[in-house]
Amino acid sequence: MNTEIVFVVEEAPEGGYLARAVNHAIFTEADTLDALPAQVRDAVQCHFDPEAKPSLIRLHHVRDEVIAA
């Protein structure tokens, strides 16, 4: 049983935020960062059986930043 699942969180090109699980086929999105944890929890609950559900969800925020040379 996995005790932790990690999601990579990125800004969506059309606005809002995308979250995708590492090593699992789980994807979700939300309009705001405040709404994203609830969407991620719901996606995890839908993906796993109750006895196999991870006990910890980690959100890893990635920000793309361009710096002039």
PDB file of N, CA and C in Angstrom:
ATOM      1  N   MET A   1       0.842  -1.193   0.000  1.00  0.00           N
ATOM      2  CA  MET A   1       0.000   0.000   0.000  1.00  0.00           C
ATOM      3  C   MET A   1       0.881   1.247   0.000  1.00  0.00           C
ATOM      4  N   ASN A   2       0.549   2.208  -0.844  1.00  0.00           N
ATOM      5  CA  ASN A   2       1.274   3.483  -0.878  1.00  0.00           C
ATOM      6  C   ASN A   2       0.773   4.368   0.251  1.00  0.00           C
ATOM      7  N   THR A   3       1.676   4.994   0.967  1.00  0.00           N
ATOM      8  CA  THR A   3       1.262   5.902   2.028  1.00  0.00           C
ATOM      9  C   THR A   3       1.280   7.349   1.566  1.00  0.00           C
ATOM     10  N   GLU A   4       1.903   7.607   0.404  1.00  0.00           N
ATOM     11  CA  GLU A   4       1.994   8.974  -0.093  1.00  0.00           C
ATOM     12  C   GLU A   4       1.833   8.990  -1.606  1.00  0.00           C
ATOM     13  N   ILE A   5       1.185  10.016  -2.097  1.00  0.00           N
ATOM     14  CA  ILE A   5       1.087  10.242  -3.539  1.00  0.00           C
ATOM     15  C   ILE A   5       1.481  11.693  -3.801  1.00  0.00           C
ATOM     16  N   VAL A   6       2.239  11.905  -4.866  1.00  0.00           N
ATOM     17  CA  VAL A   6       2.754  13.234  -5.189  1.00  0.00           C
ATOM     18  C   VAL A   6       2.087  13.729  -6.472  1.00  0.00           C
ATOM     19  N   PHE A   7       1.641  14.982  -6.440  1.00  0.00           N
ATOM     20  CA  PHE A   7       1.079  15.647  -7.608  1.00  0.00           C
ATOM     21  C   PHE A   7       1.974  16.815  -7.998  1.00  0.00           C
ATOM     22  N   VAL A   8       2.205  16.960  -9.297  1.00  0.00           N
ATOM     23  CA  VAL A   8       2.906  18.129  -9.828  1.00  0.00           C
ATOM     24  C   VAL A   8       1.826  19.136 -10.215  1.00  0.00           C
ATOM     25  N   VAL A   9       1.938  20.350  -9.696  1.00  0.00           N
ATOM     26  CA  VAL A   9       0.945  21.401  -9.932  1.00  0.00           C
ATOM     27  C   VAL A   9       1.576  22.474 -10.812  1.00  0.00           C
ATOM     28  N   GLU A  10       0.873  22.822 -11.893  1.00  0.00           N
ATOM     29  CA  GLU A  10       1.345  23.850 -12.817  1.00  0.00           C
ATOM     30  C   GLU A  10       0.193  24.772 -13.193  1.00  0.00           C
ATOM     31  N   GLU A  11       0.534  25.991 -13.579  1.00  0.00           N
ATOM     32  CA  GLU A  11      -0.492  26.900 -14.091  1.00  0.00           C
ATOM     33  C   GLU A  11      -0.946  26.404 -15.454  1.00  0.00           C
ATOM     34  N   ALA A  12      -2.247  26.402 -15.681  1.00  0.00           N
ATOM     35  CA  ALA A  12      -2.790  25.989 -16.974  1.00  0.00           C
ATOM     36  C   ALA A  12      -2.657  27.139 -17.965  1.00  0.00           C
ATOM     37  N   PRO A  13      -2.351  26.857 -19.217  1.00  0.00           N
ATOM     38  CA  PRO A  13      -2.202  27.929 -20.221  1.00  0.00           C
ATOM     39  C   PRO A  13      -3.469  28.780 -20.371  1.00  0.00           C
ATOM     40  N   GLU A  14      -4.634  28.167 -20.202  1.00  0.00           N
ATOM     41  CA  GLU A  14      -5.893  28.895 -20.361  1.00  0.00           C
ATOM     42  C   GLU A  14      -6.389  29.505 -19.048  1.00  0.00           C
ATOM     43  N   GLY A  15      -5.601  29.384 -17.990  1.00  0.00           N
ATOM     44  CA  GLY A  15      -5.967  29.903 -16.673  1.00  0.00           C
ATOM     45  C   GLY A  15      -6.273  28.773 -15.710  1.00  0.00           C
ATOM     46  N   GLY A  16      -6.140  29.027 -14.448  1.00  0.00           N
ATOM     47  CA  GLY A  16      -6.355  27.999 -13.442  1.00  0.00           C
ATOM     48  C   GLY A  16      -5.101  27.162 -13.239  1.00  0.00           C
ATOM     49  N   TYR A  17      -5.290  25.980 -12.633  1.00  0.00           N
ATOM     50  CA  TYR A  17      -4.161  25.127 -12.272  1.00  0.00           C
ATOM     51  C   TYR A  17      -4.453  23.679 -12.627  1.00  0.00           C
ATOM     52  N   LEU A  18      -3.404  22.978 -13.050  1.00  0.00           N
ATOM     53  CA  LEU A  18      -3.479  21.559 -13.372  1.00  0.00           C
ATOM     54  C   LEU A  18      -2.657  20.788 -12.354  1.00  0.00           C
ATOM     55  N   ALA A  19      -3.140  19.624 -11.967  1.00  0.00           N
ATOM     56  CA  ALA A  19      -2.393  18.750 -11.069  1.00  0.00           C
ATOM     57  C   ALA A  19      -2.370  17.356 -11.673  1.00  0.00           C
ATOM     58  N   ARG A  20      -1.181  16.772 -11.759  1.00  0.00           N
ATOM     59  CA  ARG A  20      -1.064  15.407 -12.265  1.00  0.00           C
ATOM     60  C   ARG A  20      -0.223  14.593 -11.296  1.00  0.00           C
ATOM     61  N   ALA A  21      -0.678  13.386 -11.055  1.00  0.00           N
ATOM     62  CA  ALA A  21       0.011  12.508 -10.126  1.00  0.00           C
ATOM     63  C   ALA A  21       1.263  11.933 -10.768  1.00  0.00           C
ATOM     64  N   VAL A  22       2.290  11.755  -9.959  1.00  0.00           N
ATOM     65  CA  VAL A  22       3.504  11.090 -10.387  1.00  0.00           C
ATOM     66  C   VAL A  22       3.280   9.588 -10.166  1.00  0.00           C
ATOM     67  N   ASN A  23       3.507   8.784 -11.185  1.00  0.00           N
ATOM     68  CA  ASN A  23       3.370   7.321 -11.144  1.00  0.00           C
ATOM     69  C   ASN A  23       1.940   6.808 -11.079  1.00  0.00           C
ATOM     70  N   HIS A  24       0.969   7.648 -11.324  1.00  0.00           N
ATOM     71  CA  HIS A  24      -0.433   7.232 -11.395  1.00  0.00           C
ATOM     72  C   HIS A  24      -1.116   8.052 -12.484  1.00  0.00           C
ATOM     73  N   ALA A  25      -2.132   7.480 -13.101  1.00  0.00           N
ATOM     74  CA  ALA A  25      -2.874   8.180 -14.155  1.00  0.00           C
ATOM     75  C   ALA A  25      -4.018   8.975 -13.532  1.00  0.00           C
ATOM     76  N   ILE A  26      -3.653  10.013 -12.767  1.00  0.00           N
ATOM     77  CA  ILE A  26      -4.643  10.864 -12.111  1.00  0.00           C
ATOM     78  C   ILE A  26      -4.343  12.302 -12.506  1.00  0.00           C
ATOM     79  N   PHE A  27      -5.349  12.970 -13.048  1.00  0.00           N
ATOM     80  CA  PHE A  27      -5.231  14.367 -13.461  1.00  0.00           C
ATOM     81  C   PHE A  27      -6.457  15.113 -12.965  1.00  0.00           C
ATOM     82  N   THR A  28      -6.280  16.362 -12.553  1.00  0.00           N
ATOM     83  CA  THR A  28      -7.408  17.194 -12.166  1.00  0.00           C
ATOM     84  C   THR A  28      -7.019  18.647 -12.363  1.00  0.00           C
ATOM     85  N   GLU A  29      -8.005  19.531 -12.229  1.00  0.00           N
ATOM     86  CA  GLU A  29      -7.750  20.958 -12.403  1.00  0.00           C
ATOM     87  C   GLU A  29      -8.687  21.755 -11.511  1.00  0.00           C
ATOM     88  N   ALA A  30      -8.324  23.022 -11.297  1.00  0.00           N
ATOM     89  CA  ALA A  30      -9.155  23.934 -10.515  1.00  0.00           C
ATOM     90  C   ALA A  30      -8.881  25.357 -10.981  1.00  0.00           C
ATOM     91  N   ASP A  31      -9.838  26.234 -10.723  1.00  0.00           N
ATOM     92  CA  ASP A  31      -9.690  27.638 -11.118  1.00  0.00           C
ATOM     93  C   ASP A  31      -8.696  28.387 -10.238  1.00  0.00           C
ATOM     94  N   THR A  32      -8.589  27.987  -8.953  1.00  0.00           N
ATOM     95  CA  THR A  32      -7.705  28.676  -8.013  1.00  0.00           C
ATOM     96  C   THR A  32      -6.865  27.670  -7.235  1.00  0.00           C
ATOM     97  N   LEU A  33      -5.767  28.156  -6.661  1.00  0.00           N
ATOM     98  CA  LEU A  33      -4.945  27.291  -5.810  1.00  0.00           C
ATOM     99  C   LEU A  33      -5.708  26.869  -4.557  1.00  0.00           C
ATOM    100  N   ASP A  34      -6.585  27.737  -4.055  1.00  0.00           N
ATOM    101  CA  ASP A  34      -7.369  27.396  -2.868  1.00  0.00           C
ATOM    102  C   ASP A  34      -8.332  26.242  -3.127  1.00  0.00           C
ATOM    103  N   ALA A  35      -8.847  26.145  -4.343  1.00  0.00           N
ATOM    104  CA  ALA A  35      -9.794  25.086  -4.693  1.00  0.00           C
ATOM    105  C   ALA A  35      -9.100  23.783  -5.089  1.00  0.00           C
ATOM    106  N   LEU A  36      -7.824  23.838  -5.412  1.00  0.00           N
ATOM    107  CA  LEU A  36      -7.126  22.667  -5.932  1.00  0.00           C
ATOM    108  C   LEU A  36      -7.034  21.499  -4.940  1.00  0.00           C
ATOM    109  N   PRO A  37      -6.716  21.700  -3.672  1.00  0.00           N
ATOM    110  CA  PRO A  37      -6.626  20.543  -2.762  1.00  0.00           C
ATOM    111  C   PRO A  37      -7.905  19.700  -2.709  1.00  0.00           C
ATOM    112  N   ALA A  38      -9.060  20.325  -2.716  1.00  0.00           N
ATOM    113  CA  ALA A  38     -10.313  19.566  -2.689  1.00  0.00           C
ATOM    114  C   ALA A  38     -10.473  18.753  -3.972  1.00  0.00           C
ATOM    115  N   GLN A  39     -10.095  19.327  -5.105  1.00  0.00           N
ATOM    116  CA  GLN A  39     -10.178  18.604  -6.375  1.00  0.00           C
ATOM    117  C   GLN A  39      -9.217  17.410  -6.390  1.00  0.00           C
ATOM    118  N   VAL A  40      -8.020  17.606  -5.843  1.00  0.00           N
ATOM    119  CA  VAL A  40      -7.032  16.525  -5.787  1.00  0.00           C
ATOM    120  C   VAL A  40      -7.527  15.410  -4.866  1.00  0.00           C
ATOM    121  N   ARG A  41      -8.036  15.765  -3.696  1.00  0.00           N
ATOM    122  CA  ARG A  41      -8.583  14.745  -2.779  1.00  0.00           C
ATOM    123  C   ARG A  41      -9.678  13.928  -3.455  1.00  0.00           C
ATOM    124  N   ASP A  42     -10.586  14.614  -4.144  1.00  0.00           N
ATOM    125  CA  ASP A  42     -11.674  13.934  -4.829  1.00  0.00           C
ATOM    126  C   ASP A  42     -11.144  12.989  -5.904  1.00  0.00           C
ATOM    127  N   ALA A  43     -10.158  13.427  -6.668  1.00  0.00           N
ATOM    128  CA  ALA A  43      -9.576  12.588  -7.717  1.00  0.00           C
ATOM    129  C   ALA A  43      -8.900  11.354  -7.126  1.00  0.00           C
ATOM    130  N   VAL A  44      -8.206  11.515  -6.009  1.00  0.00           N
ATOM    131  CA  VAL A  44      -7.548  10.379  -5.349  1.00  0.00           C
ATOM    132  C   VAL A  44      -8.593   9.395  -4.826  1.00  0.00           C
ATOM    133  N   GLN A  45      -9.656   9.897  -4.208  1.00  0.00           N
ATOM    134  CA  GLN A  45     -10.709   9.020  -3.698  1.00  0.00           C
ATOM    135  C   GLN A  45     -11.385   8.241  -4.822  1.00  0.00           C
ATOM    136  N   CYS A  46     -11.550   8.864  -5.984  1.00  0.00           N
ATOM    137  CA  CYS A  46     -12.165   8.179  -7.125  1.00  0.00           C
ATOM    138  C   CYS A  46     -11.241   7.125  -7.728  1.00  0.00           C
ATOM    139  N   HIS A  47      -9.945   7.347  -7.647  1.00  0.00           N
ATOM    140  CA  HIS A  47      -8.971   6.457  -8.284  1.00  0.00           C
ATOM    141  C   HIS A  47      -8.681   5.195  -7.466  1.00  0.00           C
ATOM    142  N   PHE A  48      -8.635   5.330  -6.150  1.00  0.00           N
ATOM    143  CA  PHE A  48      -8.232   4.216  -5.285  1.00  0.00           C
ATOM    144  C   PHE A  48      -9.416   3.612  -4.537  1.00  0.00           C
ATOM    145  N   ASP A  49      -9.330   2.316  -4.273  1.00  0.00           N
ATOM    146  CA  ASP A  49     -10.260   1.691  -3.337  1.00  0.00           C
ATOM    147  C   ASP A  49      -9.947   2.238  -1.950  1.00  0.00           C
ATOM    148  N   PRO A  50     -10.927   2.302  -1.051  1.00  0.00           N
ATOM    149  CA  PRO A  50     -10.686   2.888   0.278  1.00  0.00           C
ATOM    150  C   PRO A  50      -9.493   2.287   1.033  1.00  0.00           C
ATOM    151  N   GLU A  51      -9.315   0.983   0.943  1.00  0.00           N
ATOM    152  CA  GLU A  51      -8.216   0.354   1.680  1.00  0.00           C
ATOM    153  C   GLU A  51      -6.849   0.592   1.032  1.00  0.00           C
ATOM    154  N   ALA A  52      -6.815   1.008  -0.225  1.00  0.00           N
ATOM    155  CA  ALA A  52      -5.559   1.245  -0.936  1.00  0.00           C
ATOM    156  C   ALA A  52      -5.216   2.726  -1.067  1.00  0.00           C
ATOM    157  N   LYS A  53      -6.116   3.594  -0.603  1.00  0.00           N
ATOM    158  CA  LYS A  53      -5.923   5.040  -0.751  1.00  0.00           C
ATOM    159  C   LYS A  53      -4.717   5.520   0.062  1.00  0.00           C
ATOM    160  N   PRO A  54      -3.849   6.333  -0.535  1.00  0.00           N
ATOM    161  CA  PRO A  54      -2.703   6.881   0.209  1.00  0.00           C
ATOM    162  C   PRO A  54      -3.176   7.737   1.387  1.00  0.00           C
ATOM    163  N   SER A  55      -2.388   7.747   2.437  1.00  0.00           N
ATOM    164  CA  SER A  55      -2.750   8.532   3.619  1.00  0.00           C
ATOM    165  C   SER A  55      -2.247   9.967   3.541  1.00  0.00           C
ATOM    166  N   LEU A  56      -1.348  10.249   2.594  1.00  0.00           N
ATOM    167  CA  LEU A  56      -0.776  11.590   2.466  1.00  0.00           C
ATOM    168  C   LEU A  56      -0.733  11.984   0.994  1.00  0.00           C
ATOM    169  N   ILE A  57      -1.160  13.207   0.709  1.00  0.00           N
ATOM    170  CA  ILE A  57      -1.094  13.758  -0.647  1.00  0.00           C
ATOM    171  C   ILE A  57      -0.153  14.950  -0.606  1.00  0.00           C
ATOM    172  N   ARG A  58       0.838  14.926  -1.472  1.00  0.00           N
ATOM    173  CA  ARG A  58       1.817  16.019  -1.533  1.00  0.00           C
ATOM    174  C   ARG A  58       1.621  16.764  -2.848  1.00  0.00           C
ATOM    175  N   LEU A  59       1.508  18.095  -2.782  1.00  0.00           N
ATOM    176  CA  LEU A  59       1.397  18.933  -3.972  1.00  0.00           C
ATOM    177  C   LEU A  59       2.735  19.635  -4.191  1.00  0.00           C
ATOM    178  N   HIS A  60       3.338  19.376  -5.326  1.00  0.00           N
ATOM    179  CA  HIS A  60       4.621  19.988  -5.680  1.00  0.00           C
ATOM    180  C   HIS A  60       4.343  21.051  -6.730  1.00  0.00           C
ATOM    181  N   HIS A  61       4.461  22.318  -6.353  1.00  0.00           N
ATOM    182  CA  HIS A  61       4.165  23.439  -7.244  1.00  0.00           C
ATOM    183  C   HIS A  61       5.379  23.748  -8.117  1.00  0.00           C
ATOM    184  N   VAL A  62       5.148  23.792  -9.429  1.00  0.00           N
ATOM    185  CA  VAL A  62       6.194  24.086 -10.397  1.00  0.00           C
ATOM    186  C   VAL A  62       5.844  25.395 -11.083  1.00  0.00           C
ATOM    187  N   ARG A  63       6.812  26.298 -11.156  1.00  0.00           N
ATOM    188  CA  ARG A  63       6.577  27.586 -11.795  1.00  0.00           C
ATOM    189  C   ARG A  63       7.603  27.766 -12.893  1.00  0.00           C
ATOM    190  N   ASP A  64       7.124  28.074 -14.076  1.00  0.00           N
ATOM    191  CA  ASP A  64       7.999  28.310 -15.218  1.00  0.00           C
ATOM    192  C   ASP A  64       8.368  29.792 -15.224  1.00  0.00           C
ATOM    193  N   GLU A  65       9.668  30.061 -15.134  1.00  0.00           N
ATOM    194  CA  GLU A  65      10.119  31.450 -15.089  1.00  0.00           C
ATOM    195  C   GLU A  65      11.175  31.666 -16.174  1.00  0.00           C
ATOM    196  N   VAL A  66      10.998  32.718 -16.952  1.00  0.00           N
ATOM    197  CA  VAL A  66      11.948  33.040 -18.027  1.00  0.00           C
ATOM    198  C   VAL A  66      12.783  34.229 -17.577  1.00  0.00           C
ATOM    199  N   ILE A  67      14.097  34.087 -17.744  1.00  0.00           N
ATOM    200  CA  ILE A  67      15.027  35.136 -17.345  1.00  0.00           C
ATOM    201  C   ILE A  67      15.805  35.585 -18.578  1.00  0.00           C
ATOM    202  N   ALA A  68      15.862  36.874 -18.820  1.00  0.00           N
ATOM    203  CA  ALA A  68      16.613  37.407 -19.961  1.00  0.00           C
ATOM    204  C   ALA A  68      18.109  37.167 -19.747  1.00  0.00           C
ATOM    205  N   ALA A  69      18.782  36.816 -20.812  1.00  0.00           N
ATOM    206  CA  ALA A  69      20.225  36.529 -20.725  1.00  0.00           C
ATOM    207  C   ALA A  69      21.045  37.777 -20.821  1.00  0.00           C
TER     208      ALA A  69
END
